[in-house]
């Protein structure tokens, strides 16, 4: 399995925010087939208890932003459905670069797509090697 260009950056940024990486990758069964979400992580807090997430990381380095988003959306929806069956309390996030988010999601149509499909985002900053924003 080939890791995304910014896999290590996102993993390190999550760890810097206190997340413990529990799976790299997170195996998920989809019917008779296997899938691999890039990361599984948990955050233990006295007030919130344990919070568990799965993170699919995308770099969107291809020429076409729309093609990359179409592929990412399809993958996200398959993983979301499979994860809801296996571990419904674990939230799935799509991790995308800040520059892609600011360029692509300035279009109201794509904001509506995020909302309609309940896509949670982690926006990461490549230059700062950090998480810029969480969108739940």
N, C-alpha and C. Protein backbone atom coordinates (compact mmCIF):
# COMPACT_ATOMS: atom_id res chain seq x y z
N UNK A 1 0.83 -1.18 0.00
CA UNK A 1 0.00 0.00 0.00
C UNK A 1 0.88 1.24 0.00
N UNK A 2 0.67 2.11 -0.97
CA UNK A 2 1.45 3.33 -1.08
C UNK A 2 0.85 4.42 -0.21
N UNK A 3 1.70 5.07 0.58
CA UNK A 3 1.24 6.14 1.45
C UNK A 3 1.19 7.46 0.69
N UNK A 4 0.25 8.31 1.09
CA UNK A 4 0.08 9.61 0.49
C UNK A 4 1.33 10.47 0.72
N UNK A 5 1.52 11.44 -0.14
CA UNK A 5 2.68 12.32 -0.08
C UNK A 5 2.86 12.95 1.31
N UNK A 6 1.76 13.34 1.94
CA UNK A 6 1.84 14.05 3.22
C UNK A 6 1.42 13.19 4.41
N UNK A 7 1.50 11.89 4.25
CA UNK A 7 1.12 10.96 5.32
C UNK A 7 1.87 11.26 6.62
N UNK A 8 3.19 11.32 6.53
CA UNK A 8 4.01 11.55 7.74
C UNK A 8 3.74 12.92 8.35
N UNK A 9 3.54 13.93 7.51
CA UNK A 9 3.25 15.26 8.01
C UNK A 9 1.97 15.25 8.84
N UNK A 10 0.90 14.65 8.31
CA UNK A 10 -0.38 14.62 9.03
C UNK A 10 -0.25 13.77 10.29
N UNK A 11 0.41 12.65 10.19
CA UNK A 11 0.59 11.81 11.38
C UNK A 11 1.31 12.57 12.48
N UNK A 12 2.42 13.21 12.14
CA UNK A 12 3.19 13.98 13.13
C UNK A 12 2.38 15.14 13.69
N UNK A 13 1.60 15.82 12.84
CA UNK A 13 0.79 16.94 13.31
C UNK A 13 -0.29 16.47 14.29
N UNK A 14 -0.89 15.32 14.03
CA UNK A 14 -1.87 14.77 14.96
C UNK A 14 -1.21 14.42 16.29
N UNK A 15 -0.04 13.82 16.23
CA UNK A 15 0.67 13.47 17.46
C UNK A 15 1.04 14.72 18.25
N UNK A 16 1.40 15.79 17.56
CA UNK A 16 1.72 17.06 18.24
C UNK A 16 0.51 17.63 18.96
N UNK A 17 -0.70 17.32 18.46
CA UNK A 17 -1.92 17.78 19.11
C UNK A 17 -2.40 16.83 20.21
N UNK A 18 -1.63 15.78 20.49
CA UNK A 18 -1.96 14.89 21.58
C UNK A 18 -2.66 13.60 21.17
N UNK A 19 -2.84 13.36 19.88
CA UNK A 19 -3.46 12.13 19.41
C UNK A 19 -2.45 10.99 19.47
N UNK A 20 -2.91 9.83 19.87
CA UNK A 20 -2.09 8.62 19.85
C UNK A 20 -2.51 7.81 18.62
N UNK A 21 -1.56 7.57 17.74
CA UNK A 21 -1.85 6.80 16.53
C UNK A 21 -1.95 5.33 16.92
N UNK A 22 -3.09 4.74 16.66
CA UNK A 22 -3.34 3.35 17.03
C UNK A 22 -3.27 2.41 15.83
N UNK A 23 -3.44 2.95 14.64
CA UNK A 23 -3.42 2.15 13.42
C UNK A 23 -2.74 2.94 12.31
N UNK A 24 -1.83 2.33 11.60
CA UNK A 24 -1.17 2.96 10.46
C UNK A 24 -0.75 1.88 9.47
N UNK A 25 -1.70 1.44 8.66
CA UNK A 25 -3.04 1.95 8.38
C UNK A 25 -4.12 1.27 9.24
N UNK A 26 -5.34 1.77 9.10
CA UNK A 26 -6.51 1.22 9.79
C UNK A 26 -7.22 0.29 8.80
N UNK A 27 -7.17 -1.01 9.07
CA UNK A 27 -7.79 -2.00 8.19
C UNK A 27 -9.31 -1.96 8.34
N UNK A 28 -10.00 -1.98 7.22
CA UNK A 28 -11.46 -1.99 7.23
C UNK A 28 -11.94 -2.97 6.16
N UNK A 29 -12.88 -3.81 6.55
CA UNK A 29 -13.45 -4.76 5.59
C UNK A 29 -14.65 -4.11 4.93
N UNK A 30 -14.71 -4.27 3.60
CA UNK A 30 -15.83 -3.77 2.81
C UNK A 30 -16.40 -4.97 2.05
N UNK A 31 -17.38 -5.61 2.68
CA UNK A 31 -17.89 -6.84 2.10
C UNK A 31 -16.80 -7.90 2.13
N UNK A 32 -16.50 -8.47 0.98
CA UNK A 32 -15.43 -9.47 0.89
C UNK A 32 -14.07 -8.84 0.59
N UNK A 33 -14.04 -7.53 0.47
CA UNK A 33 -12.81 -6.85 0.10
C UNK A 33 -12.21 -6.11 1.29
N UNK A 34 -10.92 -5.79 1.14
CA UNK A 34 -10.20 -5.08 2.20
C UNK A 34 -9.99 -3.63 1.80
N UNK A 35 -10.07 -2.77 2.78
CA UNK A 35 -9.73 -1.37 2.58
C UNK A 35 -8.78 -0.93 3.68
N UNK A 36 -8.09 0.14 3.42
CA UNK A 36 -7.14 0.65 4.39
C UNK A 36 -7.29 2.16 4.49
N UNK A 37 -7.86 2.63 5.59
CA UNK A 37 -7.90 4.06 5.88
C UNK A 37 -6.51 4.42 6.39
N UNK A 38 -6.01 5.57 6.03
CA UNK A 38 -4.61 5.90 6.31
C UNK A 38 -4.23 5.79 7.79
N UNK A 39 -5.04 6.37 8.69
CA UNK A 39 -4.68 6.38 10.11
C UNK A 39 -5.89 6.13 11.00
N UNK A 40 -5.64 5.52 12.13
CA UNK A 40 -6.59 5.47 13.22
C UNK A 40 -5.91 6.11 14.42
N UNK A 41 -6.66 6.88 15.21
CA UNK A 41 -6.05 7.58 16.34
C UNK A 41 -7.07 7.74 17.45
N UNK A 42 -6.55 7.96 18.66
CA UNK A 42 -7.44 8.25 19.79
C UNK A 42 -6.83 9.34 20.64
N UNK A 43 -7.73 10.07 21.27
CA UNK A 43 -7.35 11.15 22.17
C UNK A 43 -8.01 10.86 23.50
N UNK A 44 -7.23 10.73 24.54
CA UNK A 44 -7.76 10.45 25.86
C UNK A 44 -7.77 11.74 26.66
N UNK A 45 -8.94 12.09 27.16
CA UNK A 45 -9.06 13.31 27.94
C UNK A 45 -9.95 13.08 29.14
N UNK A 46 -9.62 13.70 30.25
CA UNK A 46 -10.38 13.51 31.48
C UNK A 46 -11.82 14.00 31.33
N UNK A 47 -12.01 15.07 30.57
CA UNK A 47 -13.35 15.64 30.44
C UNK A 47 -14.17 14.98 29.35
N UNK A 48 -13.53 14.60 28.26
CA UNK A 48 -14.27 14.07 27.12
C UNK A 48 -14.24 12.55 27.05
N UNK A 49 -13.40 11.91 27.83
CA UNK A 49 -13.25 10.47 27.68
C UNK A 49 -12.40 10.20 26.46
N UNK A 50 -12.57 9.03 25.89
CA UNK A 50 -11.78 8.66 24.71
C UNK A 50 -12.52 9.08 23.44
N UNK A 51 -11.81 9.76 22.58
CA UNK A 51 -12.34 10.12 21.27
C UNK A 51 -11.50 9.39 20.24
N UNK A 52 -12.17 8.69 19.33
CA UNK A 52 -11.45 7.92 18.31
C UNK A 52 -11.82 8.41 16.93
N UNK A 53 -10.80 8.50 16.08
CA UNK A 53 -11.01 8.96 14.72
C UNK A 53 -10.28 8.03 13.75
N UNK A 54 -10.68 8.10 12.50
CA UNK A 54 -9.95 7.51 11.39
C UNK A 54 -9.72 8.65 10.41
N UNK A 55 -8.56 8.67 9.77
CA UNK A 55 -8.19 9.79 8.91
C UNK A 55 -7.73 9.27 7.56
N UNK A 56 -8.42 9.72 6.51
CA UNK A 56 -7.99 9.45 5.14
C UNK A 56 -7.28 10.70 4.64
N UNK A 57 -6.02 10.55 4.26
CA UNK A 57 -5.18 11.68 3.90
C UNK A 57 -5.11 11.81 2.38
N UNK A 58 -5.30 13.03 1.90
CA UNK A 58 -5.19 13.31 0.48
C UNK A 58 -4.29 14.52 0.27
N UNK A 59 -3.50 14.47 -0.82
CA UNK A 59 -2.59 15.57 -1.11
C UNK A 59 -3.10 16.45 -2.25
N UNK A 60 -3.93 15.92 -3.14
CA UNK A 60 -4.47 16.66 -4.28
C UNK A 60 -3.36 17.31 -5.10
N UNK A 61 -2.39 16.51 -5.48
CA UNK A 61 -1.27 17.01 -6.27
C UNK A 61 -1.51 16.86 -7.77
N UNK A 62 -2.63 16.25 -8.17
CA UNK A 62 -2.91 16.08 -9.59
C UNK A 62 -3.31 17.41 -10.22
N UNK A 63 -3.30 17.44 -11.52
CA UNK A 63 -3.61 18.66 -12.26
C UNK A 63 -5.05 19.10 -12.04
N UNK A 64 -5.97 18.14 -11.99
CA UNK A 64 -7.39 18.47 -11.88
C UNK A 64 -7.88 18.34 -10.44
N UNK A 65 -8.26 19.47 -9.86
CA UNK A 65 -8.80 19.46 -8.51
C UNK A 65 -10.13 18.74 -8.42
N UNK A 66 -10.94 18.84 -9.45
CA UNK A 66 -12.25 18.19 -9.43
C UNK A 66 -12.10 16.67 -9.50
N UNK A 67 -11.20 16.17 -10.32
CA UNK A 67 -10.99 14.72 -10.41
C UNK A 67 -10.48 14.18 -9.08
N UNK A 68 -9.57 14.88 -8.47
CA UNK A 68 -9.06 14.46 -7.17
C UNK A 68 -10.15 14.43 -6.12
N UNK A 69 -11.01 15.44 -6.14
CA UNK A 69 -12.11 15.48 -5.17
C UNK A 69 -13.12 14.37 -5.43
N UNK A 70 -13.42 14.10 -6.69
CA UNK A 70 -14.34 13.01 -7.03
C UNK A 70 -13.81 11.68 -6.48
N UNK A 71 -12.53 11.43 -6.69
CA UNK A 71 -11.92 10.19 -6.18
C UNK A 71 -11.95 10.14 -4.66
N UNK A 72 -11.59 11.25 -4.03
CA UNK A 72 -11.56 11.31 -2.57
C UNK A 72 -12.96 11.14 -1.98
N UNK A 73 -13.95 11.76 -2.60
CA UNK A 73 -15.33 11.66 -2.12
C UNK A 73 -15.83 10.23 -2.19
N UNK A 74 -15.59 9.56 -3.30
CA UNK A 74 -16.00 8.16 -3.44
C UNK A 74 -15.34 7.27 -2.40
N UNK A 75 -14.06 7.43 -2.21
CA UNK A 75 -13.32 6.64 -1.22
C UNK A 75 -13.83 6.94 0.18
N UNK A 76 -14.03 8.22 0.48
CA UNK A 76 -14.52 8.63 1.80
C UNK A 76 -15.87 7.99 2.10
N UNK A 77 -16.78 8.02 1.13
CA UNK A 77 -18.13 7.48 1.34
C UNK A 77 -18.10 5.97 1.57
N UNK A 78 -17.26 5.25 0.85
CA UNK A 78 -17.12 3.80 1.08
C UNK A 78 -16.59 3.53 2.48
N UNK A 79 -15.54 4.25 2.87
CA UNK A 79 -14.95 4.06 4.19
C UNK A 79 -15.92 4.45 5.30
N UNK A 80 -16.66 5.52 5.08
CA UNK A 80 -17.63 5.98 6.08
C UNK A 80 -18.69 4.90 6.33
N UNK A 81 -19.20 4.31 5.27
CA UNK A 81 -20.21 3.27 5.39
C UNK A 81 -19.64 2.04 6.10
N UNK A 82 -18.46 1.61 5.70
CA UNK A 82 -17.83 0.43 6.31
C UNK A 82 -17.48 0.69 7.78
N UNK A 83 -17.00 1.88 8.08
CA UNK A 83 -16.62 2.22 9.46
C UNK A 83 -17.85 2.27 10.36
N UNK A 84 -18.98 2.75 9.84
CA UNK A 84 -20.22 2.79 10.62
C UNK A 84 -20.67 1.39 11.03
N UNK A 85 -20.35 0.40 10.24
CA UNK A 85 -20.70 -0.97 10.57
C UNK A 85 -19.73 -1.60 11.56
N UNK A 86 -18.45 -1.28 11.40
CA UNK A 86 -17.41 -1.90 12.24
C UNK A 86 -17.27 -1.21 13.58
N UNK A 87 -17.21 0.10 13.56
CA UNK A 87 -16.91 0.87 14.77
C UNK A 87 -17.61 2.23 14.68
N UNK A 88 -18.93 2.25 14.90
CA UNK A 88 -19.72 3.46 14.65
C UNK A 88 -19.33 4.67 15.50
N UNK A 89 -18.68 4.46 16.62
CA UNK A 89 -18.28 5.61 17.46
C UNK A 89 -17.00 6.28 16.95
N UNK A 90 -16.30 5.66 16.01
CA UNK A 90 -15.08 6.25 15.46
C UNK A 90 -15.46 7.18 14.31
N UNK A 91 -15.05 8.45 14.39
CA UNK A 91 -15.39 9.44 13.37
C UNK A 91 -14.35 9.45 12.26
N UNK A 92 -14.82 9.49 11.03
CA UNK A 92 -13.94 9.53 9.87
C UNK A 92 -13.72 10.98 9.44
N UNK A 93 -12.46 11.33 9.17
CA UNK A 93 -12.09 12.64 8.68
C UNK A 93 -11.32 12.50 7.37
N UNK A 94 -11.49 13.48 6.52
CA UNK A 94 -10.71 13.60 5.30
C UNK A 94 -9.69 14.71 5.54
N UNK A 95 -8.41 14.38 5.45
CA UNK A 95 -7.35 15.38 5.66
C UNK A 95 -6.90 15.92 4.31
N UNK A 96 -6.98 17.25 4.17
CA UNK A 96 -6.62 17.89 2.91
C UNK A 96 -5.72 19.09 3.17
N UNK A 97 -4.89 19.45 2.20
CA UNK A 97 -4.00 20.61 2.38
C UNK A 97 -4.77 21.92 2.44
N UNK A 98 -4.24 22.84 3.19
CA UNK A 98 -4.88 24.15 3.37
C UNK A 98 -5.06 24.89 2.04
N UNK A 99 -4.03 24.90 1.21
CA UNK A 99 -4.13 25.64 -0.05
C UNK A 99 -5.21 25.05 -0.95
N UNK A 100 -5.35 23.74 -0.95
CA UNK A 100 -6.42 23.11 -1.74
C UNK A 100 -7.79 23.49 -1.19
N UNK A 101 -7.92 23.44 0.14
CA UNK A 101 -9.18 23.79 0.76
C UNK A 101 -9.57 25.23 0.42
N UNK A 102 -8.65 26.16 0.57
CA UNK A 102 -8.95 27.57 0.34
C UNK A 102 -9.26 27.86 -1.12
N UNK A 103 -8.65 27.13 -2.03
CA UNK A 103 -8.89 27.34 -3.45
C UNK A 103 -10.16 26.64 -3.93
N UNK A 104 -10.35 25.40 -3.53
CA UNK A 104 -11.44 24.58 -4.06
C UNK A 104 -12.76 24.83 -3.35
N UNK A 105 -12.73 24.97 -2.05
CA UNK A 105 -13.96 25.09 -1.28
C UNK A 105 -14.43 26.53 -1.08
N UNK A 106 -13.87 27.45 -1.86
CA UNK A 106 -14.45 28.80 -1.88
C UNK A 106 -15.71 28.82 -2.74
N UNK A 107 -15.99 27.71 -3.39
CA UNK A 107 -17.18 27.53 -4.22
C UNK A 107 -18.31 26.99 -3.35
N UNK A 108 -19.40 27.72 -3.27
CA UNK A 108 -20.53 27.35 -2.41
C UNK A 108 -21.07 25.95 -2.72
N UNK A 109 -21.02 25.55 -3.98
CA UNK A 109 -21.50 24.23 -4.36
C UNK A 109 -20.76 23.14 -3.59
N UNK A 110 -19.45 23.25 -3.51
CA UNK A 110 -18.66 22.23 -2.83
C UNK A 110 -18.79 22.31 -1.31
N UNK A 111 -19.06 23.50 -0.79
CA UNK A 111 -19.40 23.62 0.63
C UNK A 111 -20.68 22.84 0.93
N UNK A 112 -21.64 22.94 0.01
CA UNK A 112 -22.90 22.21 0.17
C UNK A 112 -22.69 20.70 0.08
N UNK A 113 -21.77 20.28 -0.77
CA UNK A 113 -21.45 18.85 -0.86
C UNK A 113 -20.89 18.35 0.47
N UNK A 114 -19.97 19.11 1.06
CA UNK A 114 -19.42 18.74 2.37
C UNK A 114 -20.52 18.58 3.39
N UNK A 115 -21.44 19.53 3.41
CA UNK A 115 -22.54 19.51 4.37
C UNK A 115 -23.50 18.35 4.09
N UNK A 116 -23.88 18.17 2.85
CA UNK A 116 -24.85 17.14 2.49
C UNK A 116 -24.36 15.73 2.83
N UNK A 117 -23.07 15.48 2.63
CA UNK A 117 -22.51 14.16 2.88
C UNK A 117 -21.84 14.04 4.25
N UNK A 118 -21.97 15.09 5.05
CA UNK A 118 -21.42 15.11 6.40
C UNK A 118 -19.94 14.71 6.41
N UNK A 119 -19.18 15.42 5.60
CA UNK A 119 -17.75 15.15 5.50
C UNK A 119 -17.01 16.00 6.51
N UNK A 120 -16.32 15.34 7.41
CA UNK A 120 -15.49 16.03 8.39
C UNK A 120 -14.11 16.21 7.79
N UNK A 121 -13.54 17.40 7.99
CA UNK A 121 -12.24 17.71 7.40
C UNK A 121 -11.20 18.03 8.46
N UNK A 122 -9.98 17.64 8.15
CA UNK A 122 -8.80 18.13 8.85
C UNK A 122 -8.02 18.89 7.78
N UNK A 123 -7.84 20.18 8.00
CA UNK A 123 -7.09 21.01 7.07
C UNK A 123 -5.67 21.11 7.61
N UNK A 124 -4.71 20.62 6.83
CA UNK A 124 -3.32 20.68 7.30
C UNK A 124 -2.52 21.69 6.49
N UNK A 125 -1.58 22.32 7.17
CA UNK A 125 -0.73 23.34 6.57
C UNK A 125 0.62 22.72 6.26
N UNK A 126 0.94 22.63 4.98
CA UNK A 126 2.19 21.97 4.56
C UNK A 126 3.40 22.76 5.03
N UNK A 127 3.37 24.07 4.88
CA UNK A 127 4.52 24.91 5.27
C UNK A 127 4.83 24.87 6.75
N UNK A 128 3.79 24.79 7.57
CA UNK A 128 3.98 24.78 9.02
C UNK A 128 4.00 23.37 9.60
N UNK A 129 3.74 22.37 8.75
CA UNK A 129 3.69 20.97 9.20
C UNK A 129 2.78 20.82 10.43
N UNK A 130 1.58 21.38 10.31
CA UNK A 130 0.66 21.39 11.44
C UNK A 130 -0.78 21.33 10.95
N UNK A 131 -1.66 21.00 11.89
CA UNK A 131 -3.09 21.05 11.61
C UNK A 131 -3.51 22.51 11.67
N UNK A 132 -4.17 22.98 10.63
CA UNK A 132 -4.64 24.35 10.56
C UNK A 132 -6.05 24.48 11.14
N UNK A 133 -6.92 23.51 10.80
CA UNK A 133 -8.32 23.63 11.20
C UNK A 133 -8.99 22.26 11.18
N UNK A 134 -9.93 22.10 12.10
CA UNK A 134 -10.82 20.93 12.11
C UNK A 134 -12.21 21.42 11.73
N UNK A 135 -12.86 20.72 10.81
CA UNK A 135 -14.21 21.04 10.43
C UNK A 135 -15.07 19.80 10.68
N UNK A 136 -15.93 19.90 11.67
CA UNK A 136 -16.76 18.76 12.05
C UNK A 136 -18.11 18.93 11.48
